[in-house]
PDB file of all heavy atoms in Angstrom:
ATOM      1  N   ASP A   1      57.335  -0.266 -16.240  1.00  0.00           N
ATOM      2  CA  ASP A   1      57.400   1.191 -16.415  1.00  0.00           C
ATOM      3  C   ASP A   1      58.841   1.653 -16.611  1.00  0.00           C
ATOM      4  O   ASP A   1      59.105   2.607 -17.354  1.00  0.00           O
ATOM      5  CB  ASP A   1      56.793   1.899 -15.203  1.00  0.00           C
ATOM      6  CG  ASP A   1      55.276   1.835 -15.177  1.00  0.00           C
ATOM      7  OD1 ASP A   1      54.674   1.727 -16.265  1.00  0.00           O
ATOM      8  OD2 ASP A   1      54.690   1.890 -14.083  1.00  0.00           O
ATOM      9  N   MET A   2      59.786   0.968 -15.942  1.00  0.00           N
ATOM     10  CA  MET A   2      61.205   1.283 -16.151  1.00  0.00           C
ATOM     11  C   MET A   2      61.580   1.048 -17.608  1.00  0.00           C
ATOM     12  O   MET A   2      62.213   1.901 -18.252  1.00  0.00           O
ATOM     13  CB  MET A   2      62.068   0.408 -15.240  1.00  0.00           C
ATOM     14  CG  MET A   2      61.914   0.680 -13.760  1.00  0.00           C
ATOM     15  SD  MET A   2      63.022   1.967 -13.144  1.00  0.00           S
ATOM     16  CE  MET A   2      64.564   1.069 -13.095  1.00  0.00           C
ATOM     17  N   ASP A   3      61.165  -0.100 -18.110  1.00  0.00           N
ATOM     18  CA  ASP A   3      61.500  -0.432 -19.502  1.00  0.00           C
ATOM     19  C   ASP A   3      60.847   0.541 -20.472  1.00  0.00           C
ATOM     20  O   ASP A   3      61.486   1.029 -21.417  1.00  0.00           O
ATOM     21  CB  ASP A   3      61.053  -1.859 -19.817  1.00  0.00           C
ATOM     22  CG  ASP A   3      61.869  -2.916 -19.076  1.00  0.00           C
ATOM     23  OD1 ASP A   3      62.976  -2.581 -18.602  1.00  0.00           O
ATOM     24  OD2 ASP A   3      61.394  -4.052 -18.961  1.00  0.00           O
ATOM     25  N   ALA A   4      59.572   0.835 -20.239  1.00  0.00           N
ATOM     26  CA  ALA A   4      58.852   1.734 -21.144  1.00  0.00           C
ATOM     27  C   ALA A   4      59.441   3.139 -21.133  1.00  0.00           C
ATOM     28  O   ALA A   4      59.413   3.851 -22.143  1.00  0.00           O
ATOM     29  CB  ALA A   4      57.376   1.779 -20.761  1.00  0.00           C
ATOM     30  N   SER A   5      59.996   3.532 -19.988  1.00  0.00           N
ATOM     31  CA  SER A   5      60.593   4.863 -19.870  1.00  0.00           C
ATOM     32  C   SER A   5      62.052   4.891 -20.286  1.00  0.00           C
ATOM     33  O   SER A   5      62.661   5.966 -20.367  1.00  0.00           O
ATOM     34  CB  SER A   5      60.479   5.354 -18.418  1.00  0.00           C
ATOM     35  OG  SER A   5      59.141   5.403 -18.006  1.00  0.00           O
ATOM     36  N   GLY A   6      62.613   3.713 -20.517  1.00  0.00           N
ATOM     37  CA  GLY A   6      64.019   3.635 -20.894  1.00  0.00           C
ATOM     38  C   GLY A   6      64.980   3.856 -19.756  1.00  0.00           C
ATOM     39  O   GLY A   6      66.133   4.237 -19.976  1.00  0.00           O
ATOM     40  N   PHE A   7      64.528   3.598 -18.516  1.00  0.00           N
ATOM     41  CA  PHE A   7      65.378   3.805 -17.346  1.00  0.00           C
ATOM     42  C   PHE A   7      66.113   2.521 -16.981  1.00  0.00           C
ATOM     43  O   PHE A   7      65.601   1.418 -17.177  1.00  0.00           O
ATOM     44  CB  PHE A   7      64.551   4.240 -16.127  1.00  0.00           C
ATOM     45  CG  PHE A   7      63.822   5.547 -16.297  1.00  0.00           C
ATOM     46  CD1 PHE A   7      62.625   5.766 -15.640  1.00  0.00           C
ATOM     47  CD2 PHE A   7      64.330   6.559 -17.103  1.00  0.00           C
ATOM     48  CE1 PHE A   7      61.945   6.963 -15.775  1.00  0.00           C
ATOM     49  CE2 PHE A   7      63.656   7.757 -17.251  1.00  0.00           C
ATOM     50  CZ  PHE A   7      62.449   7.957 -16.588  1.00  0.00           C
ATOM     51  N   SER A   8      67.284   2.675 -16.414  1.00  0.00           N
ATOM     52  CA  SER A   8      68.025   1.546 -15.854  1.00  0.00           C
ATOM     53  C   SER A   8      68.046   1.659 -14.341  1.00  0.00           C
ATOM     54  O   SER A   8      67.894   2.757 -13.783  1.00  0.00           O
ATOM     55  CB  SER A   8      69.454   1.516 -16.394  1.00  0.00           C
ATOM     56  OG  SER A   8      70.123   2.734 -16.096  1.00  0.00           O
ATOM     57  N   ASP A   9      68.215   0.543 -13.666  1.00  0.00           N
ATOM     58  CA  ASP A   9      68.197   0.531 -12.207  1.00  0.00           C
ATOM     59  C   ASP A   9      69.309   1.427 -11.659  1.00  0.00           C
ATOM     60  O   ASP A   9      70.469   1.300 -12.041  1.00  0.00           O
ATOM     61  CB  ASP A   9      68.379  -0.909 -11.716  1.00  0.00           C
ATOM     62  CG  ASP A   9      67.714  -1.142 -10.379  1.00  0.00           C
ATOM     63  OD1 ASP A   9      66.635  -0.591 -10.157  1.00  0.00           O
ATOM     64  OD2 ASP A   9      68.278  -1.885  -9.556  1.00  0.00           O
ATOM     65  N   GLY A  10      68.949   2.345 -10.772  1.00  0.00           N
ATOM     66  CA  GLY A  10      69.921   3.259 -10.175  1.00  0.00           C
ATOM     67  C   GLY A  10      70.134   4.539 -10.954  1.00  0.00           C
ATOM     68  O   GLY A  10      70.930   5.387 -10.540  1.00  0.00           O
ATOM     69  N   GLN A  11      69.424   4.701 -12.074  1.00  0.00           N
ATOM     70  CA  GLN A  11      69.600   5.903 -12.885  1.00  0.00           C
ATOM     71  C   GLN A  11      69.043   7.131 -12.172  1.00  0.00           C
ATOM     72  O   GLN A  11      68.054   7.074 -11.452  1.00  0.00           O
ATOM     73  CB  GLN A  11      68.887   5.721 -14.231  1.00  0.00           C
ATOM     74  CG  GLN A  11      69.011   6.904 -15.180  1.00  0.00           C
ATOM     75  CD  GLN A  11      68.362   6.625 -16.530  1.00  0.00           C
ATOM     76  OE1 GLN A  11      68.119   5.472 -16.891  1.00  0.00           O
ATOM     77  NE2 GLN A  11      68.079   7.681 -17.281  1.00  0.00           N
ATOM     78  N   LYS A  12      69.684   8.269 -12.379  1.00  0.00           N
ATOM     79  CA  LYS A  12      69.201   9.529 -11.843  1.00  0.00           C
ATOM     80  C   LYS A  12      68.087  10.060 -12.737  1.00  0.00           C
ATOM     81  O   LYS A  12      68.218  10.099 -13.962  1.00  0.00           O
ATOM     82  CB  LYS A  12      70.332  10.544 -11.774  1.00  0.00           C
ATOM     83  CG  LYS A  12      69.994  11.833 -11.027  1.00  0.00           C
ATOM     84  CD  LYS A  12      71.089  12.864 -11.176  1.00  0.00           C
ATOM     85  CE  LYS A  12      72.412  12.381 -10.620  1.00  0.00           C
ATOM     86  NZ  LYS A  12      73.458  13.430 -10.757  1.00  0.00           N
ATOM     87  N   VAL A  13      66.959  10.460 -12.112  1.00  0.00           N
ATOM     88  CA  VAL A  13      65.821  10.959 -12.877  1.00  0.00           C
ATOM     89  C   VAL A  13      65.306  12.247 -12.263  1.00  0.00           C
ATOM     90  O   VAL A  13      65.569  12.561 -11.099  1.00  0.00           O
ATOM     91  CB  VAL A  13      64.673   9.920 -12.937  1.00  0.00           C
ATOM     92  CG1 VAL A  13      65.120   8.651 -13.640  1.00  0.00           C
ATOM     93  CG2 VAL A  13      64.133   9.611 -11.543  1.00  0.00           C
ATOM     94  N   LYS A  14      64.543  12.981 -13.063  1.00  0.00           N
ATOM     95  CA  LYS A  14      63.779  14.127 -12.589  1.00  0.00           C
ATOM     96  C   LYS A  14      62.319  13.706 -12.479  1.00  0.00           C
ATOM     97  O   LYS A  14      61.789  13.026 -13.359  1.00  0.00           O
ATOM     98  CB  LYS A  14      63.877  15.299 -13.567  1.00  0.00           C
ATOM     99  CG  LYS A  14      65.228  15.981 -13.641  1.00  0.00           C
ATOM    100  CD  LYS A  14      65.160  17.149 -14.618  1.00  0.00           C
ATOM    101  CE  LYS A  14      66.488  17.894 -14.697  1.00  0.00           C
ATOM    102  NZ  LYS A  14      66.413  19.024 -15.662  1.00  0.00           N
ATOM    103  N   ILE A  15      61.681  14.112 -11.383  1.00  0.00           N
ATOM    104  CA  ILE A  15      60.258  13.855 -11.193  1.00  0.00           C
ATOM    105  C   ILE A  15      59.611  15.187 -10.864  1.00  0.00           C
ATOM    106  O   ILE A  15      60.124  15.947 -10.040  1.00  0.00           O
ATOM    107  CB  ILE A  15      60.034  12.793 -10.086  1.00  0.00           C
ATOM    108  CG1 ILE A  15      58.546  12.609  -9.797  1.00  0.00           C
ATOM    109  CG2 ILE A  15      60.803  13.116  -8.825  1.00  0.00           C
ATOM    110  CD1 ILE A  15      58.260  11.442  -8.862  1.00  0.00           C
ATOM    111  N   GLY A  16      58.490  15.507 -11.546  1.00  0.00           N
ATOM    112  CA  GLY A  16      57.934  16.833 -11.360  1.00  0.00           C
ATOM    113  C   GLY A  16      56.446  16.923 -11.610  1.00  0.00           C
ATOM    114  O   GLY A  16      55.810  16.003 -12.132  1.00  0.00           O
ATOM    115  N   ASN A  17      55.886  18.054 -11.218  1.00  0.00           N
ATOM    116  CA  ASN A  17      54.499  18.412 -11.518  1.00  0.00           C
ATOM    117  C   ASN A  17      54.380  19.931 -11.463  1.00  0.00           C
ATOM    118  O   ASN A  17      55.392  20.633 -11.575  1.00  0.00           O
ATOM    119  CB  ASN A  17      53.517  17.711 -10.569  1.00  0.00           C
ATOM    120  CG  ASN A  17      53.751  18.037  -9.099  1.00  0.00           C
ATOM    121  OD1 ASN A  17      54.374  19.041  -8.746  1.00  0.00           O
ATOM    122  ND2 ASN A  17      53.236  17.183  -8.219  1.00  0.00           N
ATOM    123  N   GLU A  18      53.164  20.423 -11.288  1.00  0.00           N
ATOM    124  CA  GLU A  18      52.940  21.867 -11.319  1.00  0.00           C
ATOM    125  C   GLU A  18      53.688  22.614 -10.218  1.00  0.00           C
ATOM    126  O   GLU A  18      53.914  23.825 -10.315  1.00  0.00           O
ATOM    127  CB  GLU A  18      51.442  22.171 -11.173  1.00  0.00           C
ATOM    128  CG  GLU A  18      50.549  21.510 -12.206  1.00  0.00           C
ATOM    129  CD  GLU A  18      50.011  20.162 -11.749  1.00  0.00           C
ATOM    130  OE1 GLU A  18      50.687  19.507 -10.909  1.00  0.00           O
ATOM    131  OE2 GLU A  18      48.932  19.768 -12.213  1.00  0.00           O
ATOM    132  N   LEU A  19      54.097  21.914  -9.170  1.00  0.00           N
ATOM    133  CA  LEU A  19      54.668  22.566  -7.995  1.00  0.00           C
ATOM    134  C   LEU A  19      56.182  22.633  -7.998  1.00  0.00           C
ATOM    135  O   LEU A  19      56.766  23.428  -7.248  1.00  0.00           O
ATOM    136  CB  LEU A  19      54.194  21.836  -6.733  1.00  0.00           C
ATOM    137  CG  LEU A  19      52.683  21.821  -6.511  1.00  0.00           C
ATOM    138  CD1 LEU A  19      52.329  20.928  -5.335  1.00  0.00           C
ATOM    139  CD2 LEU A  19      52.162  23.235  -6.286  1.00  0.00           C
ATOM    140  N   GLY A  20      56.840  21.786  -8.798  1.00  0.00           N
ATOM    141  CA  GLY A  20      58.298  21.805  -8.801  1.00  0.00           C
ATOM    142  C   GLY A  20      58.892  20.537  -9.368  1.00  0.00           C
ATOM    143  O   GLY A  20      58.188  19.686  -9.925  1.00  0.00           O
ATOM    144  N   VAL A  21      60.202  20.418  -9.207  1.00  0.00           N
ATOM    145  CA  VAL A  21      60.963  19.295  -9.763  1.00  0.00           C
ATOM    146  C   VAL A  21      61.900  18.773  -8.683  1.00  0.00           C
ATOM    147  O   VAL A  21      62.529  19.547  -7.946  1.00  0.00           O
ATOM    148  CB  VAL A  21      61.781  19.731 -10.999  1.00  0.00           C
ATOM    149  CG1 VAL A  21      62.618  18.567 -11.525  1.00  0.00           C
ATOM    150  CG2 VAL A  21      60.857  20.260 -12.090  1.00  0.00           C
ATOM    151  N   VAL A  22      62.007  17.447  -8.598  1.00  0.00           N
ATOM    152  CA  VAL A  22      62.887  16.771  -7.647  1.00  0.00           C
ATOM    153  C   VAL A  22      63.785  15.827  -8.424  1.00  0.00           C
ATOM    154  O   VAL A  22      63.351  15.177  -9.381  1.00  0.00           O
ATOM    155  CB  VAL A  22      62.066  15.983  -6.602  1.00  0.00           C
ATOM    156  CG1 VAL A  22      62.970  15.175  -5.685  1.00  0.00           C
ATOM    157  CG2 VAL A  22      61.187  16.929  -5.793  1.00  0.00           C
ATOM    158  N   ILE A  23      65.056  15.738  -8.013  1.00  0.00           N
ATOM    159  CA  ILE A  23      66.012  14.837  -8.659  1.00  0.00           C
ATOM    160  C   ILE A  23      66.413  13.748  -7.669  1.00  0.00           C
ATOM    161  O   ILE A  23      66.813  14.038  -6.540  1.00  0.00           O
ATOM    162  CB  ILE A  23      67.258  15.601  -9.135  1.00  0.00           C
ATOM    163  CG1 ILE A  23      66.865  16.703 -10.128  1.00  0.00           C
ATOM    164  CG2 ILE A  23      68.274  14.653  -9.773  1.00  0.00           C
ATOM    165  CD1 ILE A  23      68.022  17.606 -10.531  1.00  0.00           C
ATOM    166  N   LEU A  24      66.290  12.499  -8.086  1.00  0.00           N
ATOM    167  CA  LEU A  24      66.683  11.363  -7.254  1.00  0.00           C
ATOM    168  C   LEU A  24      66.941  10.165  -8.144  1.00  0.00           C
ATOM    169  O   LEU A  24      66.883  10.269  -9.371  1.00  0.00           O
ATOM    170  CB  LEU A  24      65.624  11.069  -6.192  1.00  0.00           C
ATOM    171  CG  LEU A  24      64.285  10.444  -6.598  1.00  0.00           C
ATOM    172  CD1 LEU A  24      63.441  10.174  -5.350  1.00  0.00           C
ATOM    173  CD2 LEU A  24      63.496  11.307  -7.540  1.00  0.00           C
ATOM    174  N   HIS A  25      67.257   9.019  -7.569  1.00  0.00           N
ATOM    175  CA  HIS A  25      67.570   7.822  -8.341  1.00  0.00           C
ATOM    176  C   HIS A  25      66.373   6.879  -8.363  1.00  0.00           C
ATOM    177  O   HIS A  25      65.645   6.756  -7.377  1.00  0.00           O
ATOM    178  CB  HIS A  25      68.785   7.104  -7.748  1.00  0.00           C
ATOM    179  CG  HIS A  25      70.047   7.908  -7.830  1.00  0.00           C
ATOM    180  ND1 HIS A  25      70.356   8.900  -6.920  1.00  0.00           N
ATOM    181  CD2 HIS A  25      71.066   7.871  -8.722  1.00  0.00           C
ATOM    182  CE1 HIS A  25      71.516   9.440  -7.254  1.00  0.00           C
ATOM    183  NE2 HIS A  25      71.970   8.838  -8.335  1.00  0.00           N
ATOM    184  N   VAL A  26      66.193   6.194  -9.474  1.00  0.00           N
ATOM    185  CA  VAL A  26      65.070   5.280  -9.640  1.00  0.00           C
ATOM    186  C   VAL A  26      65.539   3.847  -9.409  1.00  0.00           C
ATOM    187  O   VAL A  26      66.665   3.485  -9.765  1.00  0.00           O
ATOM    188  CB  VAL A  26      64.427   5.448 -11.037  1.00  0.00           C
ATOM    189  CG1 VAL A  26      65.365   4.974 -12.139  1.00  0.00           C
ATOM    190  CG2 VAL A  26      63.097   4.728 -11.122  1.00  0.00           C
ATOM    191  N   ARG A  27      64.665   3.049  -8.758  1.00  0.00           N
ATOM    192  CA  ARG A  27      65.010   1.658  -8.466  1.00  0.00           C
ATOM    193  C   ARG A  27      63.829   0.757  -8.792  1.00  0.00           C
ATOM    194  O   ARG A  27      62.675   1.090  -8.508  1.00  0.00           O
ATOM    195  CB  ARG A  27      65.404   1.510  -6.995  1.00  0.00           C
ATOM    196  CG  ARG A  27      65.710   0.081  -6.573  1.00  0.00           C
ATOM    197  CD  ARG A  27      66.511   0.041  -5.280  1.00  0.00           C
ATOM    198  NE  ARG A  27      65.818   0.618  -4.153  1.00  0.00           N
ATOM    199  CZ  ARG A  27      65.010  -0.074  -3.334  1.00  0.00           C
ATOM    200  NH1 ARG A  27      64.772  -1.349  -3.569  1.00  0.00           N
ATOM    201  NH2 ARG A  27      64.448   0.518  -2.297  1.00  0.00           N
ATOM    202  N   THR A  28      64.120  -0.403  -9.357  1.00  0.00           N
ATOM    203  CA  THR A  28      63.079  -1.364  -9.723  1.00  0.00           C
ATOM    204  C   THR A  28      62.396  -1.930  -8.483  1.00  0.00           C
ATOM    205  O   THR A  28      63.048  -2.305  -7.514  1.00  0.00           O
ATOM    206  CB  THR A  28      63.680  -2.519 -10.540  1.00  0.00           C
ATOM    207  OG1 THR A  28      64.271  -1.989 -11.726  1.00  0.00           O
ATOM    208  CG2 THR A  28      62.615  -3.536 -10.913  1.00  0.00           C
ATOM    209  N   HIS A  29      61.067  -1.980  -8.531  1.00  0.00           N
ATOM    210  CA  HIS A  29      60.278  -2.598  -7.454  1.00  0.00           C
ATOM    211  C   HIS A  29      59.083  -3.268  -8.127  1.00  0.00           C
ATOM    212  O   HIS A  29      58.187  -2.598  -8.640  1.00  0.00           O
ATOM    213  CB  HIS A  29      59.813  -1.532  -6.456  1.00  0.00           C
ATOM    214  CG  HIS A  29      59.178  -2.090  -5.230  1.00  0.00           C
ATOM    215  ND1 HIS A  29      59.898  -2.493  -4.137  1.00  0.00           N
ATOM    216  CD2 HIS A  29      57.873  -2.320  -4.922  1.00  0.00           C
ATOM    217  CE1 HIS A  29      59.075  -2.944  -3.194  1.00  0.00           C
ATOM    218  NE2 HIS A  29      57.846  -2.835  -3.652  1.00  0.00           N
ATOM    219  N   ASP A  30      59.071  -4.597  -8.143  1.00  0.00           N
ATOM    220  CA  ASP A  30      58.068  -5.290  -8.955  1.00  0.00           C
ATOM    221  C   ASP A  30      56.732  -5.472  -8.250  1.00  0.00           C
ATOM    222  O   ASP A  30      55.784  -5.994  -8.843  1.00  0.00           O
ATOM    223  CB  ASP A  30      58.594  -6.650  -9.440  1.00  0.00           C
ATOM    224  CG  ASP A  30      58.952  -7.586  -8.304  1.00  0.00           C
ATOM    225  OD1 ASP A  30      58.808  -7.202  -7.135  1.00  0.00           O
ATOM    226  OD2 ASP A  30      59.395  -8.716  -8.599  1.00  0.00           O
ATOM    227  N   LYS A  31      56.608  -5.033  -6.993  1.00  0.00           N
ATOM    228  CA  LYS A  31      55.337  -5.173  -6.274  1.00  0.00           C
ATOM    229  C   LYS A  31      54.715  -3.798  -6.024  1.00  0.00           C
ATOM    230  O   LYS A  31      54.411  -3.418  -4.899  1.00  0.00           O
ATOM    231  CB  LYS A  31      55.562  -5.921  -4.962  1.00  0.00           C
ATOM    232  CG  LYS A  31      56.053  -7.347  -5.139  1.00  0.00           C
ATOM    233  CD  LYS A  31      55.034  -8.225  -5.857  1.00  0.00           C
ATOM    234  CE  LYS A  31      55.587  -9.622  -6.143  1.00  0.00           C
ATOM    235  NZ  LYS A  31      55.937 -10.357  -4.944  1.00  0.00           N
TER     236      LYS A  31
END
């Protein structure tokens, strides 16, 4: 999913839905 989204390990991302948006860093987890 990281590769498909074009993210690199430790990259800052936005995650959101109908309720709001949160900003944090993404990390690879293969399990």
